[in-house]
Amino acid sequence: MCLGIPGQIVAISDPESALGIVNVSGVRREINLMCIVTDDHPLEACVGDWVLVHVGFAMSRIDEAEAAATLKILAELGEVEPELEAMRLSGQA
């Protein structure tokens, strides 16, 4: 199953392509940030944001409390480890 899993953007890696590094429970991965960039929230403002990551894209911004609650629920359901392993196997940044 593919899930949107919470992660925190820690750096912008390629501004021209709107790519950034996200930390998802200790796994760092380069993802596309285009879906969360707006005129009111430019790319450089994304560092520190919590986002839902799905198939290499930050799909939406969420707050830290929602991220923690979502990770807790996913862990209880046993869904976090398979997603993190998939991220590890698909390449680290």
PDB file of N, CA and C in Angstrom:
ATOM      1  N   MET A   1       0.849  -1.178   0.000  1.00  0.00           N
ATOM      2  CA  MET A   1       0.000   0.000   0.000  1.00  0.00           C
ATOM      3  C   MET A   1       0.891   1.236   0.000  1.00  0.00           C
ATOM      4  N   CYS A   2       0.570   2.214  -0.773  1.00  0.00           N
ATOM      5  CA  CYS A   2       1.303   3.482  -0.782  1.00  0.00           C
ATOM      6  C   CYS A   2       0.540   4.488   0.065  1.00  0.00           C
ATOM      7  N   LEU A   3       1.257   5.103   0.972  1.00  0.00           N
ATOM      8  CA  LEU A   3       0.646   6.062   1.885  1.00  0.00           C
ATOM      9  C   LEU A   3       1.294   7.421   1.741  1.00  0.00           C
ATOM     10  N   GLY A   4       0.571   8.431   2.182  1.00  0.00           N
ATOM     11  CA  GLY A   4       1.179   9.733   2.390  1.00  0.00           C
ATOM     12  C   GLY A   4       1.747   9.682   3.795  1.00  0.00           C
ATOM     13  N   ILE A   5       3.055   9.788   3.914  1.00  0.00           N
ATOM     14  CA  ILE A   5       3.703   9.666   5.215  1.00  0.00           C
ATOM     15  C   ILE A   5       4.323  11.011   5.596  1.00  0.00           C
ATOM     16  N   PRO A   6       4.168  11.435   6.838  1.00  0.00           N
ATOM     17  CA  PRO A   6       4.693  12.741   7.257  1.00  0.00           C
ATOM     18  C   PRO A   6       6.216  12.790   7.295  1.00  0.00           C
ATOM     19  N   GLY A   7       6.737  13.918   6.861  1.00  0.00           N
ATOM     20  CA  GLY A   7       8.163  14.176   6.938  1.00  0.00           C
ATOM     21  C   GLY A   7       8.394  15.672   7.048  1.00  0.00           C
ATOM     22  N   GLN A   8       9.604  16.035   7.470  1.00  0.00           N
ATOM     23  CA  GLN A   8       9.935  17.448   7.618  1.00  0.00           C
ATOM     24  C   GLN A   8      11.002  17.834   6.593  1.00  0.00           C
ATOM     25  N   ILE A   9      10.755  18.918   5.891  1.00  0.00           N
ATOM     26  CA  ILE A   9      11.713  19.413   4.901  1.00  0.00           C
ATOM     27  C   ILE A   9      12.897  20.021   5.639  1.00  0.00           C
ATOM     28  N   VAL A  10      14.096  19.528   5.316  1.00  0.00           N
ATOM     29  CA  VAL A  10      15.290  19.996   6.017  1.00  0.00           C
ATOM     30  C   VAL A  10      16.203  20.855   5.144  1.00  0.00           C
ATOM     31  N   ALA A  11      16.013  20.808   3.815  1.00  0.00           N
ATOM     32  CA  ALA A  11      16.868  21.611   2.922  1.00  0.00           C
ATOM     33  C   ALA A  11      16.251  21.676   1.534  1.00  0.00           C
ATOM     34  N   ILE A  12      16.645  22.702   0.799  1.00  0.00           N
ATOM     35  CA  ILE A  12      16.322  22.806  -0.621  1.00  0.00           C
ATOM     36  C   ILE A  12      17.556  22.309  -1.353  1.00  0.00           C
ATOM     37  N   SER A  13      17.410  21.280  -2.175  1.00  0.00           N
ATOM     38  CA  SER A  13      18.571  20.688  -2.845  1.00  0.00           C
ATOM     39  C   SER A  13      18.744  21.176  -4.278  1.00  0.00           C
ATOM     40  N   ASP A  14      17.656  21.534  -4.944  1.00  0.00           N
ATOM     41  CA  ASP A  14      17.732  22.000  -6.333  1.00  0.00           C
ATOM     42  C   ASP A  14      16.607  23.011  -6.563  1.00  0.00           C
ATOM     43  N   PRO A  15      16.896  24.292  -6.326  1.00  0.00           N
ATOM     44  CA  PRO A  15      15.849  25.311  -6.456  1.00  0.00           C
ATOM     45  C   PRO A  15      15.220  25.381  -7.847  1.00  0.00           C
ATOM     46  N   GLU A  16      15.999  25.175  -8.896  1.00  0.00           N
ATOM     47  CA  GLU A  16      15.451  25.266 -10.256  1.00  0.00           C
ATOM     48  C   GLU A  16      14.414  24.185 -10.542  1.00  0.00           C
ATOM     49  N   SER A  17      14.574  23.019  -9.919  1.00  0.00           N
ATOM     50  CA  SER A  17      13.640  21.911 -10.125  1.00  0.00           C
ATOM     51  C   SER A  17      12.662  21.751  -8.968  1.00  0.00           C
ATOM     52  N   ALA A  18      12.709  22.663  -8.004  1.00  0.00           N
ATOM     53  CA  ALA A  18      11.848  22.628  -6.811  1.00  0.00           C
ATOM     54  C   ALA A  18      12.001  21.318  -6.049  1.00  0.00           C
ATOM     55  N   LEU A  19      13.257  20.899  -5.842  1.00  0.00           N
ATOM     56  CA  LEU A  19      13.536  19.681  -5.087  1.00  0.00           C
ATOM     57  C   LEU A  19      14.077  20.034  -3.713  1.00  0.00           C
ATOM     58  N   GLY A  20      13.698  19.228  -2.741  1.00  0.00           N
ATOM     59  CA  GLY A  20      14.181  19.423  -1.386  1.00  0.00           C
ATOM     60  C   GLY A  20      14.446  18.096  -0.715  1.00  0.00           C
ATOM     61  N   ILE A  21      15.114  18.160   0.429  1.00  0.00           N
ATOM     62  CA  ILE A  21      15.402  16.970   1.225  1.00  0.00           C
ATOM     63  C   ILE A  21      14.402  16.923   2.368  1.00  0.00           C
ATOM     64  N   VAL A  22      13.757  15.773   2.514  1.00  0.00           N
ATOM     65  CA  VAL A  22      12.800  15.575   3.589  1.00  0.00           C
ATOM     66  C   VAL A  22      13.329  14.486   4.511  1.00  0.00           C
ATOM     67  N   ASN A  23      13.097  14.665   5.800  1.00  0.00           N
ATOM     68  CA  ASN A  23      13.459  13.671   6.811  1.00  0.00           C
ATOM     69  C   ASN A  23      12.167  12.990   7.247  1.00  0.00           C
ATOM     70  N   VAL A  24      12.074  11.694   6.966  1.00  0.00           N
ATOM     71  CA  VAL A  24      10.912  10.906   7.358  1.00  0.00           C
ATOM     72  C   VAL A  24      11.396   9.866   8.362  1.00  0.00           C
ATOM     73  N   SER A  25      11.178  10.141   9.636  1.00  0.00           N
ATOM     74  CA  SER A  25      11.583   9.218  10.702  1.00  0.00           C
ATOM     75  C   SER A  25      13.028   8.761  10.566  1.00  0.00           C
ATOM     76  N   GLY A  26      13.915   9.684  10.255  1.00  0.00           N
ATOM     77  CA  GLY A  26      15.338   9.387  10.158  1.00  0.00           C
ATOM     78  C   GLY A  26      15.822   9.033   8.766  1.00  0.00           C
ATOM     79  N   VAL A  27      14.925   8.800   7.823  1.00  0.00           N
ATOM     80  CA  VAL A  27      15.300   8.518   6.443  1.00  0.00           C
ATOM     81  C   VAL A  27      15.211   9.824   5.665  1.00  0.00           C
ATOM     82  N   ARG A  28      16.318  10.193   5.031  1.00  0.00           N
ATOM     83  CA  ARG A  28      16.338  11.428   4.233  1.00  0.00           C
ATOM     84  C   ARG A  28      16.218  11.073   2.762  1.00  0.00           C
ATOM     85  N   ARG A  29      15.396  11.856   2.082  1.00  0.00           N
ATOM     86  CA  ARG A  29      15.097  11.554   0.684  1.00  0.00           C
ATOM     87  C   ARG A  29      14.841  12.853  -0.059  1.00  0.00           C
ATOM     88  N   GLU A  30      15.280  12.903  -1.306  1.00  0.00           N
ATOM     89  CA  GLU A  30      14.993  14.065  -2.139  1.00  0.00           C
ATOM     90  C   GLU A  30      13.594  13.907  -2.720  1.00  0.00           C
ATOM     91  N   ILE A  31      12.788  14.968  -2.591  1.00  0.00           N
ATOM     92  CA  ILE A  31      11.415  14.929  -3.092  1.00  0.00           C
ATOM     93  C   ILE A  31      11.113  16.220  -3.854  1.00  0.00           C
ATOM     94  N   ASN A  32      10.058  16.166  -4.630  1.00  0.00           N
ATOM     95  CA  ASN A  32       9.598  17.330  -5.379  1.00  0.00           C
ATOM     96  C   ASN A  32       8.661  18.146  -4.492  1.00  0.00           C
ATOM     97  N   LEU A  33       8.891  19.452  -4.431  1.00  0.00           N
ATOM     98  CA  LEU A  33       8.115  20.344  -3.563  1.00  0.00           C
ATOM     99  C   LEU A  33       7.119  21.213  -4.322  1.00  0.00           C
ATOM    100  N   MET A  34       7.010  21.028  -5.626  1.00  0.00           N
ATOM    101  CA  MET A  34       6.192  21.910  -6.452  1.00  0.00           C
ATOM    102  C   MET A  34       4.736  22.011  -5.977  1.00  0.00           C
ATOM    103  N   CYS A  35       4.178  20.929  -5.464  1.00  0.00           N
ATOM    104  CA  CYS A  35       2.760  20.937  -5.057  1.00  0.00           C
ATOM    105  C   CYS A  35       2.479  21.806  -3.833  1.00  0.00           C
ATOM    106  N   ILE A  36       3.524  22.174  -3.087  1.00  0.00           N
ATOM    107  CA  ILE A  36       3.280  22.969  -1.876  1.00  0.00           C
ATOM    108  C   ILE A  36       3.776  24.407  -2.005  1.00  0.00           C
ATOM    109  N   VAL A  37       4.365  24.741  -3.146  1.00  0.00           N
ATOM    110  CA  VAL A  37       4.869  26.093  -3.377  1.00  0.00           C
ATOM    111  C   VAL A  37       3.741  26.962  -3.927  1.00  0.00           C
ATOM    112  N   THR A  38       3.572  28.139  -3.314  1.00  0.00           N
ATOM    113  CA  THR A  38       2.581  29.110  -3.778  1.00  0.00           C
ATOM    114  C   THR A  38       3.220  30.493  -3.767  1.00  0.00           C
ATOM    115  N   ASP A  39       2.505  31.472  -4.280  1.00  0.00           N
ATOM    116  CA  ASP A  39       3.003  32.851  -4.227  1.00  0.00           C
ATOM    117  C   ASP A  39       3.189  33.301  -2.779  1.00  0.00           C
ATOM    118  N   ASP A  40       2.300  32.852  -1.896  1.00  0.00           N
ATOM    119  CA  ASP A  40       2.370  33.225  -0.479  1.00  0.00           C
ATOM    120  C   ASP A  40       3.352  32.368   0.315  1.00  0.00           C
ATOM    121  N   HIS A  41       3.774  31.248  -0.242  1.00  0.00           N
ATOM    122  CA  HIS A  41       4.699  30.328   0.440  1.00  0.00           C
ATOM    123  C   HIS A  41       5.726  29.829  -0.576  1.00  0.00           C
ATOM    124  N   PRO A  42       6.754  30.676  -0.862  1.00  0.00           N
ATOM    125  CA  PRO A  42       7.746  30.328  -1.879  1.00  0.00           C
ATOM    126  C   PRO A  42       8.634  29.155  -1.440  1.00  0.00           C
ATOM    127  N   LEU A  43       9.379  28.625  -2.369  1.00  0.00           N
ATOM    128  CA  LEU A  43      10.223  27.459  -2.138  1.00  0.00           C
ATOM    129  C   LEU A  43      11.127  27.616  -0.922  1.00  0.00           C
ATOM    130  N   GLU A  44      11.780  28.759  -0.813  1.00  0.00           N
ATOM    131  CA  GLU A  44      12.731  28.948   0.301  1.00  0.00           C
ATOM    132  C   GLU A  44      12.041  28.941   1.666  1.00  0.00           C
ATOM    133  N   ALA A  45      10.736  29.185   1.710  1.00  0.00           N
ATOM    134  CA  ALA A  45       9.987  29.163   2.975  1.00  0.00           C
ATOM    135  C   ALA A  45       9.599  27.751   3.390  1.00  0.00           C
ATOM    136  N   CYS A  46       9.851  26.769   2.545  1.00  0.00           N
ATOM    137  CA  CYS A  46       9.425  25.392   2.826  1.00  0.00           C
ATOM    138  C   CYS A  46      10.305  24.668   3.837  1.00  0.00           C
ATOM    139  N   VAL A  47      11.556  25.112   4.006  1.00  0.00           N
ATOM    140  CA  VAL A  47      12.440  24.454   4.966  1.00  0.00           C
ATOM    141  C   VAL A  47      11.816  24.557   6.363  1.00  0.00           C
ATOM    142  N   GLY A  48      11.693  23.421   7.020  1.00  0.00           N
ATOM    143  CA  GLY A  48      11.071  23.352   8.331  1.00  0.00           C
ATOM    144  C   GLY A  48       9.623  22.904   8.276  1.00  0.00           C
ATOM    145  N   ASP A  49       9.009  22.982   7.093  1.00  0.00           N
ATOM    146  CA  ASP A  49       7.612  22.549   6.957  1.00  0.00           C
ATOM    147  C   ASP A  49       7.480  21.040   7.153  1.00  0.00           C
ATOM    148  N   TRP A  50       6.365  20.651   7.753  1.00  0.00           N
ATOM    149  CA  TRP A  50       5.957  19.245   7.791  1.00  0.00           C
ATOM    150  C   TRP A  50       5.031  19.031   6.614  1.00  0.00           C
ATOM    151  N   VAL A  51       5.250  17.913   5.902  1.00  0.00           N
ATOM    152  CA  VAL A  51       4.474  17.622   4.704  1.00  0.00           C
ATOM    153  C   VAL A  51       4.071  16.153   4.673  1.00  0.00           C
ATOM    154  N   LEU A  52       3.051  15.865   3.873  1.00  0.00           N
ATOM    155  CA  LEU A  52       2.716  14.478   3.564  1.00  0.00           C
ATOM    156  C   LEU A  52       3.429  14.120   2.270  1.00  0.00           C
ATOM    157  N   VAL A  53       4.253  13.079   2.323  1.00  0.00           N
ATOM    158  CA  VAL A  53       5.058  12.654   1.183  1.00  0.00           C
ATOM    159  C   VAL A  53       4.411  11.424   0.559  1.00  0.00           C
ATOM    160  N   HIS A  54       4.243  11.479  -0.754  1.00  0.00           N
ATOM    161  CA  HIS A  54       3.691  10.340  -1.495  1.00  0.00           C
ATOM    162  C   HIS A  54       4.381  10.265  -2.844  1.00  0.00           C
ATOM    163  N   VAL A  55       4.913   9.111  -3.172  1.00  0.00           N
ATOM    164  CA  VAL A  55       5.620   8.815  -4.429  1.00  0.00           C
ATOM    165  C   VAL A  55       6.579   9.925  -4.870  1.00  0.00           C
ATOM    166  N   GLY A  56       7.366  10.414  -3.925  1.00  0.00           N
ATOM    167  CA  GLY A  56       8.390  11.390  -4.258  1.00  0.00           C
ATOM    168  C   GLY A  56       7.950  12.832  -4.324  1.00  0.00           C
ATOM    169  N   PHE A  57       6.720  13.106  -3.912  1.00  0.00           N
ATOM    170  CA  PHE A  57       6.192  14.469  -3.912  1.00  0.00           C
ATOM    171  C   PHE A  57       5.697  14.852  -2.522  1.00  0.00           C
ATOM    172  N   ALA A  58       5.905  16.105  -2.149  1.00  0.00           N
ATOM    173  CA  ALA A  58       5.241  16.664  -0.975  1.00  0.00           C
ATOM    174  C   ALA A  58       3.853  17.067  -1.458  1.00  0.00           C
ATOM    175  N   MET A  59       2.830  16.365  -0.974  1.00  0.00           N
ATOM    176  CA  MET A  59       1.475  16.579  -1.477  1.00  0.00           C
ATOM    177  C   MET A  59       0.756  17.727  -0.774  1.00  0.00           C
ATOM    178  N   SER A  60       1.040  17.921   0.516  1.00  0.00           N
ATOM    179  CA  SER A  60       0.408  19.013   1.256  1.00  0.00           C
ATOM    180  C   SER A  60       1.214  19.310   2.505  1.00  0.00           C
ATOM    181  N   ARG A  61       1.087  20.543   2.984  1.00  0.00           N
ATOM    182  CA  ARG A  61       1.707  20.929   4.249  1.00  0.00           C
ATOM    183  C   ARG A  61       0.761  20.564   5.384  1.00  0.00           C
ATOM    184  N   ILE A  62       1.329  20.101   6.488  1.00  0.00           N
ATOM    185  CA  ILE A  62       0.549  19.786   7.684  1.00  0.00           C
ATOM    186  C   ILE A  62       1.290  20.373   8.880  1.00  0.00           C
ATOM    187  N   ASP A  63       0.589  20.493  10.005  1.00  0.00           N
ATOM    188  CA  ASP A  63       1.294  21.010  11.175  1.00  0.00           C
ATOM    189  C   ASP A  63       1.982  19.861  11.922  1.00  0.00           C
ATOM    190  N   GLU A  64       2.889  20.211  12.823  1.00  0.00           N
ATOM    191  CA  GLU A  64       3.703  19.220  13.513  1.00  0.00           C
ATOM    192  C   GLU A  64       2.858  18.262  14.353  1.00  0.00           C
ATOM    193  N   ALA A  65       1.799  18.761  14.971  1.00  0.00           N
ATOM    194  CA  ALA A  65       0.931  17.899  15.782  1.00  0.00           C
ATOM    195  C   ALA A  65       0.234  16.853  14.907  1.00  0.00           C
ATOM    196  N   GLU A  66      -0.235  17.278  13.742  1.00  0.00           N
ATOM    197  CA  GLU A  66      -0.881  16.340  12.820  1.00  0.00           C
ATOM    198  C   GLU A  66       0.131  15.307  12.318  1.00  0.00           C
ATOM    199  N   ALA A  67       1.365  15.744  12.058  1.00  0.00           N
ATOM    200  CA  ALA A  67       2.420  14.823  11.618  1.00  0.00           C
ATOM    201  C   ALA A  67       2.676  13.764  12.685  1.00  0.00           C
ATOM    202  N   ALA A  68       2.813  14.198  13.930  1.00  0.00           N
ATOM    203  CA  ALA A  68       3.075  13.255  15.027  1.00  0.00           C
ATOM    204  C   ALA A  68       1.919  12.276  15.203  1.00  0.00           C
ATOM    205  N   ALA A  69       0.704  12.782  15.156  1.00  0.00           N
ATOM    206  CA  ALA A  69      -0.469  11.918  15.310  1.00  0.00           C
ATOM    207  C   ALA A  69      -0.558  10.907  14.171  1.00  0.00           C
ATOM    208  N   THR A  70      -0.289  11.343  12.961  1.00  0.00           N
ATOM    209  CA  THR A  70      -0.339  10.451  11.801  1.00  0.00           C
ATOM    210  C   THR A  70       0.731   9.375  11.897  1.00  0.00           C
ATOM    211  N   LEU A  71       1.957   9.752  12.271  1.00  0.00           N
ATOM    212  CA  LEU A  71       3.023   8.761  12.424  1.00  0.00           C
ATOM    213  C   LEU A  71       2.688   7.748  13.502  1.00  0.00           C
ATOM    214  N   LYS A  72       2.075   8.218  14.579  1.00  0.00           N
ATOM    215  CA  LYS A  72       1.688   7.304  15.664  1.00  0.00           C
ATOM    216  C   LYS A  72       0.657   6.292  15.177  1.00  0.00           C
ATOM    217  N   ILE A  73      -0.347   6.769  14.478  1.00  0.00           N
ATOM    218  CA  ILE A  73      -1.389   5.873  13.966  1.00  0.00           C
ATOM    219  C   ILE A  73      -0.799   4.884  12.961  1.00  0.00           C
ATOM    220  N   LEU A  74       0.046   5.365  12.056  1.00  0.00           N
ATOM    221  CA  LEU A  74       0.657   4.477  11.072  1.00  0.00           C
ATOM    222  C   LEU A  74       1.528   3.414  11.747  1.00  0.00           C
ATOM    223  N   ALA A  75       2.237   3.816  12.810  1.00  0.00           N
ATOM    224  CA  ALA A  75       3.056   2.855  13.546  1.00  0.00           C
ATOM    225  C   ALA A  75       2.177   1.799  14.206  1.00  0.00           C
ATOM    226  N   GLU A  76       1.069   2.231  14.798  1.00  0.00           N
ATOM    227  CA  GLU A  76       0.152   1.289  15.437  1.00  0.00           C
ATOM    228  C   GLU A  76      -0.447   0.315  14.430  1.00  0.00           C
ATOM    229  N   LEU A  77      -0.664   0.782  13.215  1.00  0.00           N
ATOM    230  CA  LEU A  77      -1.215  -0.069  12.165  1.00  0.00           C
ATOM    231  C   LEU A  77      -0.136  -0.917  11.481  1.00  0.00           C
ATOM    232  N   GLY A  78       1.117  -0.668  11.837  1.00  0.00           N
ATOM    233  CA  GLY A  78       2.209  -1.415  11.227  1.00  0.00           C
ATOM    234  C   GLY A  78       2.547  -0.962   9.822  1.00  0.00           C
ATOM    235  N   GLU A  79       2.189   0.256   9.468  1.00  0.00           N
ATOM    236  CA  GLU A  79       2.398   0.755   8.107  1.00  0.00           C
ATOM    237  C   GLU A  79       3.646   1.608   7.951  1.00  0.00           C
ATOM    238  N   VAL A  80       4.266   2.058   9.043  1.00  0.00           N
ATOM    239  CA  VAL A  80       5.409   2.961   8.926  1.00  0.00           C
ATOM    240  C   VAL A  80       6.641   2.240   8.392  1.00  0.00           C
ATOM    241  N   GLU A  81       6.984   1.106   8.972  1.00  0.00           N
ATOM    242  CA  GLU A  81       8.216   0.417   8.584  1.00  0.00           C
ATOM    243  C   GLU A  81       8.242   0.014   7.110  1.00  0.00           C
ATOM    244  N   PRO A  82       7.152  -0.554   6.559  1.00  0.00           N
ATOM    245  CA  PRO A  82       7.212  -0.871   5.119  1.00  0.00           C
ATOM    246  C   PRO A  82       7.439   0.367   4.245  1.00  0.00           C
ATOM    247  N   GLU A  83       6.821   1.475   4.601  1.00  0.00           N
ATOM    248  CA  GLU A  83       7.005   2.704   3.820  1.00  0.00           C
ATOM    249  C   GLU A  83       8.427   3.231   3.955  1.00  0.00           C
ATOM    250  N   LEU A  84       8.980   3.200   5.181  1.00  0.00           N
ATOM    251  CA  LEU A  84      10.358   3.661   5.375  1.00  0.00           C
ATOM    252  C   LEU A  84      11.343   2.755   4.635  1.00  0.00           C
ATOM    253  N   GLU A  85      11.102   1.457   4.659  1.00  0.00           N
ATOM    254  CA  GLU A  85      11.971   0.533   3.940  1.00  0.00           C
ATOM    255  C   GLU A  85      11.906   0.795   2.434  1.00  0.00           C
ATOM    256  N   ALA A  86      10.728   1.072   1.919  1.00  0.00           N
ATOM    257  CA  ALA A  86      10.596   1.398   0.503  1.00  0.00           C
ATOM    258  C   ALA A  86      11.383   2.667   0.172  1.00  0.00           C
ATOM    259  N   MET A  87      11.341   3.655   1.066  1.00  0.00           N
ATOM    260  CA  MET A  87      12.098   4.887   0.845  1.00  0.00           C
ATOM    261  C   MET A  87      13.596   4.595   0.875  1.00  0.00           C
ATOM    262  N   ARG A  88      14.028   3.759   1.835  1.00  0.00           N
ATOM    263  CA  ARG A  88      15.461   3.416   1.924  1.00  0.00           C
ATOM    264  C   ARG A  88      15.938   2.736   0.633  1.00  0.00           C
ATOM    265  N   LEU A  89      15.137   1.808   0.140  1.00  0.00           N
ATOM    266  CA  LEU A  89      15.511   1.034  -1.036  1.00  0.00           C
ATOM    267  C   LEU A  89      15.481   1.844  -2.326  1.00  0.00           C
ATOM    268  N   SER A  90      14.647   2.863  -2.369  1.00  0.00           N
ATOM    269  CA  SER A  90      14.499   3.635  -3.601  1.00  0.00           C
ATOM    270  C   SER A  90      15.567   4.727  -3.741  1.00  0.00           C
ATOM    271  N   GLY A  91      16.396   4.896  -2.741  1.00  0.00           N
ATOM    272  CA  GLY A  91      17.486   5.871  -2.853  1.00  0.00           C
ATOM    273  C   GLY A  91      17.426   6.915  -1.765  1.00  0.00           C
ATOM    274  N   GLN A  92      18.566   7.196  -1.201  1.00  0.00           N
ATOM    275  CA  GLN A  92      18.664   8.203  -0.160  1.00  0.00           C
ATOM    276  C   GLN A  92      19.331   9.435  -0.706  1.00  0.00           C
ATOM    277  N   ALA A  93      18.990  10.543  -0.077  1.00  0.00           N
ATOM    278  CA  ALA A  93      19.646  11.801  -0.456  1.00  0.00           C
ATOM    279  C   ALA A  93      20.767  12.097   0.507  1.00  0.00           C
TER     280      ALA A  93
END
